[in-house]
Amino acid sequence: MPTLDVYWGDNLPLLRALPDACFDLIYVDPPFNTGRKQQRTQLMTVRDEAGDRIGFQGRRYKSIKMGTRGYDDAFEDFPAFLEPRMREAARVLKPDGSLFFHIDYREVHYCKVMLDGILGRECFMNEIIWAYDYGARTRSRWPAKHDNILWYAKNPASYTFNYEAMDRIPYMAPALVGKEKARRGKTPTDVWWHTIVSPNGREKTGYATQKPRGVIDRIVRIHSREGDSLCDFFAGSGTLGASAWELNRNCVLMDSNPEALRVMEKRFANLPVAWHNWPPA
């Protein structure tokens, strides 16, 4: 049975307390430094003949506001906040381990330069573009509908890449490749098309910046093995932990936001989680 440990607190001292080379895979989704408060309102939809929404077979529904979760996403000096944490990430990563750093267009250029300096430019393997097509569209510039995920291998000559575990995706023009190839599908490139977590879907936790299982599962399957140790020290809603548990990997999650811990408490209610520093005394 895999293990799942969740820590509440500042991730920097928590990381510094860990031994060298203890994780096979680190995925982090730090704050994006958008300069605004990230929040998501939770709604519950119920049948109501006077409701303002019309659903299946013309039935009417109304939405009830259940609450709002969020956090401030603004830093005066974002690199100064990240750099000591990423140096610790490099220290606790095993010699054949991989680091995935999830960010967006606002900071990816600065973060890549920082990570090149910490891990080595030669250790940079891929920039993965997670593309989605959801949400509002501006009329004054091209709408931003992607995130950037930087993959670094601690040793570019030795790392885990389970090609046979890769999921297959449909060909865009199946008639051009033949029936057999069309049936099998093709392997993904460095552009990953995947919808965001649906506001009304079963996967949602209510956390403002929750990432979809499909994206995280692909990273976990291909870049780690069963029994490996994983870490996300900006855990948020705990998606890496959910993926690791189902795919038989051990996982350590950290977050300083009490809202994140409350979300994970609910999400992992039926799992034998080891909680550290939580709930607050």
C-alpha atoms as a PDB file:
ATOM      1  CA  MET A   1       0.000   0.000   0.000  1.00  0.00           C
ATOM      2  CA  PRO A   2       1.374   3.451  -0.876  1.00  0.00           C
ATOM      3  CA  THR A   3       1.858   6.176   1.720  1.00  0.00           C
ATOM      4  CA  LEU A   4       0.449   9.699   1.642  1.00  0.00           C
ATOM      5  CA  ASP A   5       1.843  12.386   3.960  1.00  0.00           C
ATOM      6  CA  VAL A   6       0.385  15.890   4.095  1.00  0.00           C
ATOM      7  CA  TYR A   7       2.182  18.779   5.827  1.00  0.00           C
ATOM      8  CA  TRP A   8       0.745  22.152   6.762  1.00  0.00           C
ATOM      9  CA  GLY A   9       3.249  24.996   6.969  1.00  0.00           C
ATOM     10  CA  ASP A  10       5.854  27.034   5.130  1.00  0.00           C
ATOM     11  CA  ASN A  11       7.433  24.651   2.641  1.00  0.00           C
ATOM     12  CA  LEU A  12      10.951  26.099   2.942  1.00  0.00           C
ATOM     13  CA  PRO A  13      11.732  24.869   6.492  1.00  0.00           C
ATOM     14  CA  LEU A  14       9.834  21.655   5.749  1.00  0.00           C
ATOM     15  CA  LEU A  15      12.029  21.005   2.704  1.00  0.00           C
ATOM     16  CA  ARG A  16      15.202  21.878   4.622  1.00  0.00           C
ATOM     17  CA  ALA A  17      14.340  19.205   7.188  1.00  0.00           C
ATOM     18  CA  LEU A  18      14.311  16.460   4.530  1.00  0.00           C
ATOM     19  CA  PRO A  19      17.343  14.274   3.674  1.00  0.00           C
ATOM     20  CA  ASP A  20      19.178  14.562   0.368  1.00  0.00           C
ATOM     21  CA  ALA A  21      17.949  12.628  -2.671  1.00  0.00           C
ATOM     22  CA  CYS A  22      14.653  11.334  -1.253  1.00  0.00           C
ATOM     23  CA  PHE A  23      12.226  11.909  -4.169  1.00  0.00           C
ATOM     24  CA  ASP A  24      12.024  10.291  -7.606  1.00  0.00           C
ATOM     25  CA  LEU A  25       9.611  12.868  -9.018  1.00  0.00           C
ATOM     26  CA  ILE A  26       8.770  16.399  -7.942  1.00  0.00           C
ATOM     27  CA  TYR A  27       5.857  18.264  -9.476  1.00  0.00           C
ATOM     28  CA  VAL A  28       5.168  21.799  -8.304  1.00  0.00           C
ATOM     29  CA  ASP A  29       2.432  24.217  -9.253  1.00  0.00           C
ATOM     30  CA  PRO A  30       3.487  27.392  -7.417  1.00  0.00           C
ATOM     31  CA  PRO A  31       1.475  30.601  -7.346  1.00  0.00           C
ATOM     32  CA  PHE A  32       1.593  32.198 -10.792  1.00  0.00           C
ATOM     33  CA  ASN A  33       2.144  35.748  -9.471  1.00  0.00           C
ATOM     34  CA  THR A  34      -0.887  37.026 -11.366  1.00  0.00           C
ATOM     35  CA  GLY A  35      -1.147  40.047  -9.090  1.00  0.00           C
ATOM     36  CA  ARG A  36      -4.709  39.249  -8.063  1.00  0.00           C
ATOM     37  CA  LYS A  37      -6.640  37.116  -5.610  1.00  0.00           C
ATOM     38  CA  GLN A  38      -7.355  33.620  -6.931  1.00  0.00           C
ATOM     39  CA  GLN A  39     -10.769  32.421  -5.879  1.00  0.00           C
ATOM     40  CA  ARG A  40     -13.553  30.057  -6.833  1.00  0.00           C
ATOM     41  CA  THR A  41     -17.175  30.231  -5.737  1.00  0.00           C
ATOM     42  CA  GLN A  42     -18.802  26.900  -4.938  1.00  0.00           C
ATOM     43  CA  LEU A  43     -22.336  26.474  -6.203  1.00  0.00           C
ATOM     44  CA  MET A  44     -24.916  23.772  -5.564  1.00  0.00           C
ATOM     45  CA  THR A  45     -27.677  23.331  -8.159  1.00  0.00           C
ATOM     46  CA  VAL A  46     -31.092  22.114  -6.984  1.00  0.00           C
ATOM     47  CA  ARG A  47     -34.470  21.529  -8.683  1.00  0.00           C
ATOM     48  CA  ASP A  48     -36.736  24.560  -8.429  1.00  0.00           C
ATOM     49  CA  GLU A  49     -39.740  25.256 -10.652  1.00  0.00           C
ATOM     50  CA  ALA A  50     -39.039  28.983 -10.298  1.00  0.00           C
ATOM     51  CA  GLY A  51     -35.318  28.595 -10.907  1.00  0.00           C
ATOM     52  CA  ASP A  52     -33.359  30.739 -13.365  1.00  0.00           C
ATOM     53  CA  ARG A  53     -31.595  27.798 -15.072  1.00  0.00           C
ATOM     54  CA  ILE A  54     -33.077  25.325 -17.520  1.00  0.00           C
ATOM     55  CA  GLY A  55     -31.548  21.851 -17.733  1.00  0.00           C
ATOM     56  CA  PHE A  56     -32.324  18.401 -19.129  1.00  0.00           C
ATOM     57  CA  GLN A  57     -35.834  18.004 -20.564  1.00  0.00           C
ATOM     58  CA  GLY A  58     -36.666  21.617 -19.729  1.00  0.00           C
ATOM     59  CA  ARG A  59     -36.488  21.160 -15.961  1.00  0.00           C
ATOM     60  CA  ARG A  60     -35.729  24.297 -13.963  1.00  0.00           C
ATOM     61  CA  TYR A  61     -32.966  24.670 -11.387  1.00  0.00           C
ATOM     62  CA  LYS A  62     -31.553  27.342  -9.125  1.00  0.00           C
ATOM     63  CA  SER A  63     -27.990  27.779  -7.881  1.00  0.00           C
ATOM     64  CA  ILE A  64     -27.171  28.166  -4.194  1.00  0.00           C
ATOM     65  CA  LYS A  65     -23.872  29.806  -3.242  1.00  0.00           C
ATOM     66  CA  MET A  66     -22.019  27.537  -0.809  1.00  0.00           C
ATOM     67  CA  GLY A  67     -18.940  29.692  -0.200  1.00  0.00           C
ATOM     68  CA  THR A  68     -15.726  30.949  -1.756  1.00  0.00           C
ATOM     69  CA  ARG A  69     -12.180  29.610  -1.499  1.00  0.00           C
ATOM     70  CA  GLY A  70      -9.089  31.512  -2.545  1.00  0.00           C
ATOM     71  CA  TYR A  71      -5.659  32.962  -1.834  1.00  0.00           C
ATOM     72  CA  ASP A  72      -3.595  36.028  -2.707  1.00  0.00           C
ATOM     73  CA  ASP A  73      -1.402  35.519  -5.775  1.00  0.00           C
ATOM     74  CA  ALA A  74       0.938  38.511  -5.720  1.00  0.00           C
ATOM     75  CA  PHE A  75       4.601  38.782  -4.710  1.00  0.00           C
ATOM     76  CA  GLU A  76       6.867  41.828  -4.589  1.00  0.00           C
ATOM     77  CA  ASP A  77       9.858  39.662  -5.546  1.00  0.00           C
ATOM     78  CA  PHE A  78       8.677  36.381  -7.058  1.00  0.00           C
ATOM     79  CA  PRO A  79      12.160  34.963  -7.941  1.00  0.00           C
ATOM     80  CA  ALA A  80      13.396  35.671  -4.411  1.00  0.00           C
ATOM     81  CA  PHE A  81      10.442  33.699  -3.057  1.00  0.00           C
ATOM     82  CA  LEU A  82      10.946  30.746  -5.403  1.00  0.00           C
ATOM     83  CA  GLU A  83      14.726  30.368  -5.659  1.00  0.00           C
ATOM     84  CA  PRO A  84      15.520  28.979  -2.172  1.00  0.00           C
ATOM     85  CA  ARG A  85      12.635  26.537  -2.490  1.00  0.00           C
ATOM     86  CA  MET A  86      13.766  25.318  -5.892  1.00  0.00           C
ATOM     87  CA  ARG A  87      17.342  24.886  -4.620  1.00  0.00           C
ATOM     88  CA  GLU A  88      15.935  22.634  -1.916  1.00  0.00           C
ATOM     89  CA  ALA A  89      13.916  20.788  -4.562  1.00  0.00           C
ATOM     90  CA  ALA A  90      17.123  20.079  -6.487  1.00  0.00           C
ATOM     91  CA  ARG A  91      18.786  18.818  -3.304  1.00  0.00           C
ATOM     92  CA  VAL A  92      15.997  16.384  -2.363  1.00  0.00           C
ATOM     93  CA  LEU A  93      15.613  15.069  -5.932  1.00  0.00           C
ATOM     94  CA  LYS A  94      17.245  11.686  -6.559  1.00  0.00           C
ATOM     95  CA  PRO A  95      20.124  11.438  -9.080  1.00  0.00           C
ATOM     96  CA  ASP A  96      17.805   9.939 -11.719  1.00  0.00           C
ATOM     97  CA  GLY A  97      14.769  11.991 -10.717  1.00  0.00           C
ATOM     98  CA  SER A  98      12.696  14.520 -12.646  1.00  0.00           C
ATOM     99  CA  LEU A  99      11.305  17.921 -11.714  1.00  0.00           C
ATOM    100  CA  PHE A 100       8.155  19.365 -13.310  1.00  0.00           C
ATOM    101  CA  PHE A 101       7.549  23.067 -12.769  1.00  0.00           C
ATOM    102  CA  HIS A 102       4.068  24.359 -13.690  1.00  0.00           C
ATOM    103  CA  ILE A 103       3.675  28.082 -14.389  1.00  0.00           C
ATOM    104  CA  ASP A 104       2.114  30.401 -16.981  1.00  0.00           C
ATOM    105  CA  TYR A 105       3.222  32.955 -19.562  1.00  0.00           C
ATOM    106  CA  ARG A 106       3.699  35.775 -17.046  1.00  0.00           C
ATOM    107  CA  GLU A 107       6.687  34.231 -15.264  1.00  0.00           C
ATOM    108  CA  VAL A 108       7.862  31.222 -17.308  1.00  0.00           C
ATOM    109  CA  HIS A 109      10.805  33.086 -18.905  1.00  0.00           C
ATOM    110  CA  TYR A 110      12.223  34.226 -15.572  1.00  0.00           C
ATOM    111  CA  CYS A 111      11.607  30.848 -13.957  1.00  0.00           C
ATOM    112  CA  LYS A 112      13.413  28.949 -16.710  1.00  0.00           C
ATOM    113  CA  VAL A 113      16.506  31.133 -16.325  1.00  0.00           C
ATOM    114  CA  MET A 114      16.373  30.549 -12.563  1.00  0.00           C
ATOM    115  CA  LEU A 115      15.982  26.767 -12.941  1.00  0.00           C
ATOM    116  CA  ASP A 116      18.753  26.612 -15.551  1.00  0.00           C
ATOM    117  CA  GLY A 117      21.016  28.206 -12.967  1.00  0.00           C
ATOM    118  CA  ILE A 118      20.001  25.779 -10.212  1.00  0.00           C
ATOM    119  CA  LEU A 119      19.807  22.464 -12.082  1.00  0.00           C
ATOM    120  CA  GLY A 120      21.945  23.232 -15.134  1.00  0.00           C
ATOM    121  CA  ARG A 121      20.841  24.272 -18.585  1.00  0.00           C
ATOM    122  CA  GLU A 122      21.798  20.832 -19.898  1.00  0.00           C
ATOM    123  CA  CYS A 123      19.207  19.269 -17.572  1.00  0.00           C
ATOM    124  CA  PHE A 124      16.302  21.010 -19.280  1.00  0.00           C
ATOM    125  CA  MET A 125      14.395  18.374 -21.257  1.00  0.00           C
ATOM    126  CA  ASN A 126      11.099  19.860 -22.473  1.00  0.00           C
ATOM    127  CA  GLU A 127       8.713  22.733 -22.220  1.00  0.00           C
ATOM    128  CA  ILE A 128       5.260  21.163 -22.229  1.00  0.00           C
ATOM    129  CA  ILE A 129       2.351  23.334 -23.279  1.00  0.00           C
ATOM    130  CA  TRP A 130      -0.908  22.408 -21.599  1.00  0.00           C
ATOM    131  CA  ALA A 131      -3.515  23.872 -23.942  1.00  0.00           C
ATOM    132  CA  TYR A 132      -7.191  24.240 -23.109  1.00  0.00           C
ATOM    133  CA  ASP A 133     -10.110  26.084 -24.646  1.00  0.00           C
ATOM    134  CA  TYR A 134     -12.328  27.295 -21.852  1.00  0.00           C
ATOM    135  CA  GLY A 135     -13.283  30.567 -20.218  1.00  0.00           C
ATOM    136  CA  ALA A 136     -13.702  34.176 -21.237  1.00  0.00           C
ATOM    137  CA  ARG A 137     -12.092  35.642 -24.351  1.00  0.00           C
ATOM    138  CA  THR A 138     -10.652  39.131 -24.542  1.00  0.00           C
ATOM    139  CA  ARG A 139     -11.308  41.293 -27.590  1.00  0.00           C
ATOM    140  CA  SER A 140      -8.106  43.327 -27.241  1.00  0.00           C
ATOM    141  CA  ARG A 141      -5.412  40.595 -27.653  1.00  0.00           C
ATOM    142  CA  TRP A 142      -5.010  36.859 -28.274  1.00  0.00           C
ATOM    143  CA  PRO A 143      -6.670  35.035 -25.343  1.00  0.00           C
ATOM    144  CA  ALA A 144      -4.207  33.101 -23.151  1.00  0.00           C
ATOM    145  CA  LYS A 145      -5.413  29.484 -23.137  1.00  0.00           C
ATOM    146  CA  HIS A 146      -2.349  27.515 -22.056  1.00  0.00           C
ATOM    147  CA  ASP A 147       0.016  26.862 -19.161  1.00  0.00           C
ATOM    148  CA  ASN A 148       3.735  26.076 -19.334  1.00  0.00           C
ATOM    149  CA  ILE A 149       5.275  23.009 -17.659  1.00  0.00           C
ATOM    150  CA  LEU A 150       9.081  22.843 -17.557  1.00  0.00           C
ATOM    151  CA  TRP A 151      10.638  19.373 -17.264  1.00  0.00           C
ATOM    152  CA  TYR A 152      14.144  18.993 -15.849  1.00  0.00           C
ATOM    153  CA  ALA A 153      16.011  15.711 -15.385  1.00  0.00           C
ATOM    154  CA  LYS A 154      18.643  15.816 -12.663  1.00  0.00           C
ATOM    155  CA  ASN A 155      20.811  13.611 -14.866  1.00  0.00           C
ATOM    156  CA  PRO A 156      19.933  14.081 -18.564  1.00  0.00           C
ATOM    157  CA  ALA A 157      21.631  10.760 -19.330  1.00  0.00           C
ATOM    158  CA  SER A 158      19.591   8.741 -16.800  1.00  0.00           C
ATOM    159  CA  TYR A 159      15.933   9.352 -15.941  1.00  0.00           C
ATOM    160  CA  THR A 160      12.584   7.556 -15.950  1.00  0.00           C
ATOM    161  CA  PHE A 161      10.558   7.754 -19.153  1.00  0.00           C
ATOM    162  CA  ASN A 162       8.016   4.946 -19.442  1.00  0.00           C
ATOM    163  CA  TYR A 163       7.187   5.219 -23.122  1.00  0.00           C
ATOM    164  CA  GLU A 164       4.942   2.142 -23.082  1.00  0.00           C
ATOM    165  CA  ALA A 165       2.820   3.706 -20.325  1.00  0.00           C
ATOM    166  CA  MET A 166       2.008   6.683 -22.530  1.00  0.00           C
ATOM    167  CA  ASP A 167      -1.663   7.205 -23.295  1.00  0.00           C
ATOM    168  CA  ARG A 168      -2.723   7.440 -26.943  1.00  0.00           C
ATOM    169  CA  ILE A 169      -4.648  10.293 -28.508  1.00  0.00           C
ATOM    170  CA  PRO A 170      -6.709  10.366 -31.732  1.00  0.00           C
ATOM    171  CA  TYR A 171      -5.203  11.403 -35.058  1.00  0.00           C
ATOM    172  CA  MET A 172      -6.560  14.696 -36.360  1.00  0.00           C
ATOM    173  CA  ALA A 173      -6.865  13.193 -39.865  1.00  0.00           C
ATOM    174  CA  PRO A 174      -7.371   9.431 -39.295  1.00  0.00           C
ATOM    175  CA  ALA A 175      -8.168   8.767 -42.957  1.00  0.00           C
ATOM    176  CA  LEU A 176      -4.586   9.674 -43.884  1.00  0.00           C
ATOM    177  CA  VAL A 177      -2.874   7.085 -41.643  1.00  0.00           C
ATOM    178  CA  GLY A 178      -4.835   3.882 -42.232  1.00  0.00           C
ATOM    179  CA  LYS A 179      -7.292   1.951 -40.080  1.00  0.00           C
ATOM    180  CA  GLU A 180      -4.767   0.242 -37.790  1.00  0.00           C
ATOM    181  CA  LYS A 181      -2.891   3.419 -36.895  1.00  0.00           C
ATOM    182  CA  ALA A 182      -6.156   5.282 -36.493  1.00  0.00           C
ATOM    183  CA  ARG A 183      -7.420   2.571 -34.128  1.00  0.00           C
ATOM    184  CA  ARG A 184      -4.276   2.702 -31.958  1.00  0.00           C
ATOM    185  CA  GLY A 185      -4.020   6.474 -31.940  1.00  0.00           C
ATOM    186  CA  LYS A 186      -0.777   8.400 -31.636  1.00  0.00           C
ATOM    187  CA  THR A 187       1.496   9.345 -28.777  1.00  0.00           C
ATOM    188  CA  PRO A 188       1.286  12.933 -27.527  1.00  0.00           C
ATOM    189  CA  THR A 189       3.810  15.629 -28.372  1.00  0.00           C
ATOM    190  CA  ASP A 190       4.922  18.473 -26.104  1.00  0.00           C
ATOM    191  CA  VAL A 191       1.532  20.151 -26.619  1.00  0.00           C
ATOM    192  CA  TRP A 192      -1.071  18.543 -24.351  1.00  0.00           C
ATOM    193  CA  TRP A 193      -4.692  19.340 -25.144  1.00  0.00           C
ATOM    194  CA  HIS A 194      -6.801  18.752 -22.053  1.00  0.00           C
ATOM    195  CA  THR A 195      -9.789  20.570 -20.633  1.00  0.00           C
ATOM    196  CA  ILE A 196      -9.579  22.322 -17.288  1.00  0.00           C
ATOM    197  CA  VAL A 197     -11.408  20.862 -14.305  1.00  0.00           C
ATOM    198  CA  SER A 198     -15.080  21.376 -15.075  1.00  0.00           C
ATOM    199  CA  PRO A 199     -16.832  23.676 -12.591  1.00  0.00           C
ATOM    200  CA  ASN A 200     -19.701  21.169 -12.588  1.00  0.00           C
ATOM    201  CA  GLY A 201     -17.726  17.935 -12.924  1.00  0.00           C
ATOM    202  CA  ARG A 202     -17.188  15.120 -10.433  1.00  0.00           C
ATOM    203  CA  GLU A 203     -13.468  15.863 -10.212  1.00  0.00           C
ATOM    204  CA  LYS A 204     -13.855  19.394  -8.860  1.00  0.00           C
ATOM    205  CA  THR A 205     -12.867  20.141  -5.261  1.00  0.00           C
ATOM    206  CA  GLY A 206     -13.735  23.836  -5.183  1.00  0.00           C
ATOM    207  CA  TYR A 207     -10.084  24.893  -4.977  1.00  0.00           C
ATOM    208  CA  ALA A 208      -9.364  27.925  -7.151  1.00  0.00           C
ATOM    209  CA  THR A 209      -6.408  26.583  -9.148  1.00  0.00           C
ATOM    210  CA  GLN A 210      -7.084  22.836  -9.196  1.00  0.00           C
ATOM    211  CA  LYS A 211      -5.294  21.018 -12.039  1.00  0.00           C
ATOM    212  CA  PRO A 212      -6.926  18.102 -13.897  1.00  0.00           C
ATOM    213  CA  ARG A 213      -6.057  14.501 -13.148  1.00  0.00           C
ATOM    214  CA  GLY A 214      -5.475  13.794 -16.838  1.00  0.00           C
ATOM    215  CA  VAL A 215      -2.452  16.106 -16.967  1.00  0.00           C
ATOM    216  CA  ILE A 216      -1.000  14.958 -13.653  1.00  0.00           C
ATOM    217  CA  ASP A 217      -1.631  11.252 -14.310  1.00  0.00           C
ATOM    218  CA  ARG A 218       0.358  11.453 -17.549  1.00  0.00           C
ATOM    219  CA  ILE A 219       3.357  12.912 -15.718  1.00  0.00           C
ATOM    220  CA  VAL A 220       3.145  10.330 -12.930  1.00  0.00           C
ATOM    221  CA  ARG A 221       2.751   7.307 -15.227  1.00  0.00           C
ATOM    222  CA  ILE A 222       5.556   8.227 -17.599  1.00  0.00           C
ATOM    223  CA  HIS A 223       8.094   9.784 -15.234  1.00  0.00           C
ATOM    224  CA  SER A 224       7.881   7.488 -12.194  1.00  0.00           C
ATOM    225  CA  ARG A 225       7.489   3.820 -11.311  1.00  0.00           C
ATOM    226  CA  GLU A 226       5.261   1.993  -8.853  1.00  0.00           C
ATOM    227  CA  GLY A 227       6.650   2.390  -5.352  1.00  0.00           C
ATOM    228  CA  ASP A 228       8.511   5.614  -6.180  1.00  0.00           C
ATOM    229  CA  SER A 229       8.393   8.665  -3.902  1.00  0.00           C
ATOM    230  CA  LEU A 230       6.743  11.846  -5.212  1.00  0.00           C
ATOM    231  CA  CYS A 231       6.452  15.356  -3.826  1.00  0.00           C
ATOM    232  CA  ASP A 232       4.437  18.519  -4.420  1.00  0.00           C
ATOM    233  CA  PHE A 233       5.321  21.304  -1.979  1.00  0.00           C
ATOM    234  CA  PHE A 234       2.693  23.690  -3.402  1.00  0.00           C
ATOM    235  CA  ALA A 235       0.021  21.012  -3.103  1.00  0.00           C
ATOM    236  CA  GLY A 236      -3.168  23.081  -3.396  1.00  0.00           C
ATOM    237  CA  SER A 237      -6.068  20.659  -3.799  1.00  0.00           C
ATOM    238  CA  GLY A 238      -3.735  17.628  -3.629  1.00  0.00           C
ATOM    239  CA  THR A 239      -4.114  16.337  -7.186  1.00  0.00           C
ATOM    240  CA  LEU A 240      -0.608  14.834  -7.237  1.00  0.00           C
ATOM    241  CA  GLY A 241      -1.465  12.911  -4.069  1.00  0.00           C
ATOM    242  CA  ALA A 242      -4.695  11.582  -5.577  1.00  0.00           C
ATOM    243  CA  SER A 243      -2.844  10.457  -8.692  1.00  0.00           C
ATOM    244  CA  ALA A 244       0.035   8.915  -6.729  1.00  0.00           C
ATOM    245  CA  TRP A 245      -2.334   6.928  -4.515  1.00  0.00           C
ATOM    246  CA  GLU A 246      -4.277   5.429  -7.418  1.00  0.00           C
ATOM    247  CA  LEU A 247      -1.082   4.666  -9.364  1.00  0.00           C
ATOM    248  CA  ASN A 248       0.668   3.067  -6.355  1.00  0.00           C
ATOM    249  CA  ARG A 249       3.293   5.727  -5.664  1.00  0.00           C
ATOM    250  CA  ASN A 250       4.205   7.249  -2.302  1.00  0.00           C
ATOM    251  CA  CYS A 251       3.637  10.973  -1.987  1.00  0.00           C
ATOM    252  CA  VAL A 252       4.458  13.935   0.254  1.00  0.00           C
ATOM    253  CA  LEU A 253       2.300  17.055  -0.040  1.00  0.00           C
ATOM    254  CA  MET A 254       2.917  20.459   1.552  1.00  0.00           C
ATOM    255  CA  ASP A 255       0.911  23.668   1.654  1.00  0.00           C
ATOM    256  CA  SER A 256       0.706  26.717   3.911  1.00  0.00           C
ATOM    257  CA  ASN A 257      -2.865  27.669   2.979  1.00  0.00           C
ATOM    258  CA  PRO A 258      -5.436  26.356   5.485  1.00  0.00           C
ATOM    259  CA  GLU A 259      -8.038  26.280   2.693  1.00  0.00           C
ATOM    260  CA  ALA A 260      -5.855  23.810   0.779  1.00  0.00           C
ATOM    261  CA  LEU A 261      -5.634  21.531   3.816  1.00  0.00           C
ATOM    262  CA  ARG A 262      -9.402  21.639   4.298  1.00  0.00           C
ATOM    263  CA  VAL A 263      -9.916  20.692   0.657  1.00  0.00           C
ATOM    264  CA  MET A 264      -7.442  17.811   0.982  1.00  0.00           C
ATOM    265  CA  GLU A 265      -9.102  16.628   4.200  1.00  0.00           C
ATOM    266  CA  LYS A 266     -12.342  16.233   2.288  1.00  0.00           C
ATOM    267  CA  ARG A 267     -10.695  14.797  -0.823  1.00  0.00           C
ATOM    268  CA  PHE A 268      -8.704  12.198   1.124  1.00  0.00           C
ATOM    269  CA  ALA A 269     -11.366  11.432   3.725  1.00  0.00           C
ATOM    270  CA  ASN A 270     -11.316   7.703   2.922  1.00  0.00           C
ATOM    271  CA  LEU A 271      -7.524   7.334   2.687  1.00  0.00           C
ATOM    272  CA  PRO A 272      -5.060   6.550   5.512  1.00  0.00           C
ATOM    273  CA  VAL A 273      -3.313   9.919   5.306  1.00  0.00           C
ATOM    274  CA  ALA A 274      -0.562  10.890   7.751  1.00  0.00           C
ATOM    275  CA  TRP A 275      -1.344  14.522   8.665  1.00  0.00           C
ATOM    276  CA  HIS A 276       1.508  16.668   9.995  1.00  0.00           C
ATOM    277  CA  ASN A 277       0.973  19.952  11.909  1.00  0.00           C
ATOM    278  CA  TRP A 278      -2.723  19.654  11.055  1.00  0.00           C
ATOM    279  CA  PRO A 279      -5.251  20.502  12.319  1.00  0.00           C
ATOM    280  CA  PRO A 280      -3.834  23.577  14.051  1.00  0.00           C
ATOM    281  CA  ALA A 281      -3.499  23.284  17.812  1.00  0.00           C
END
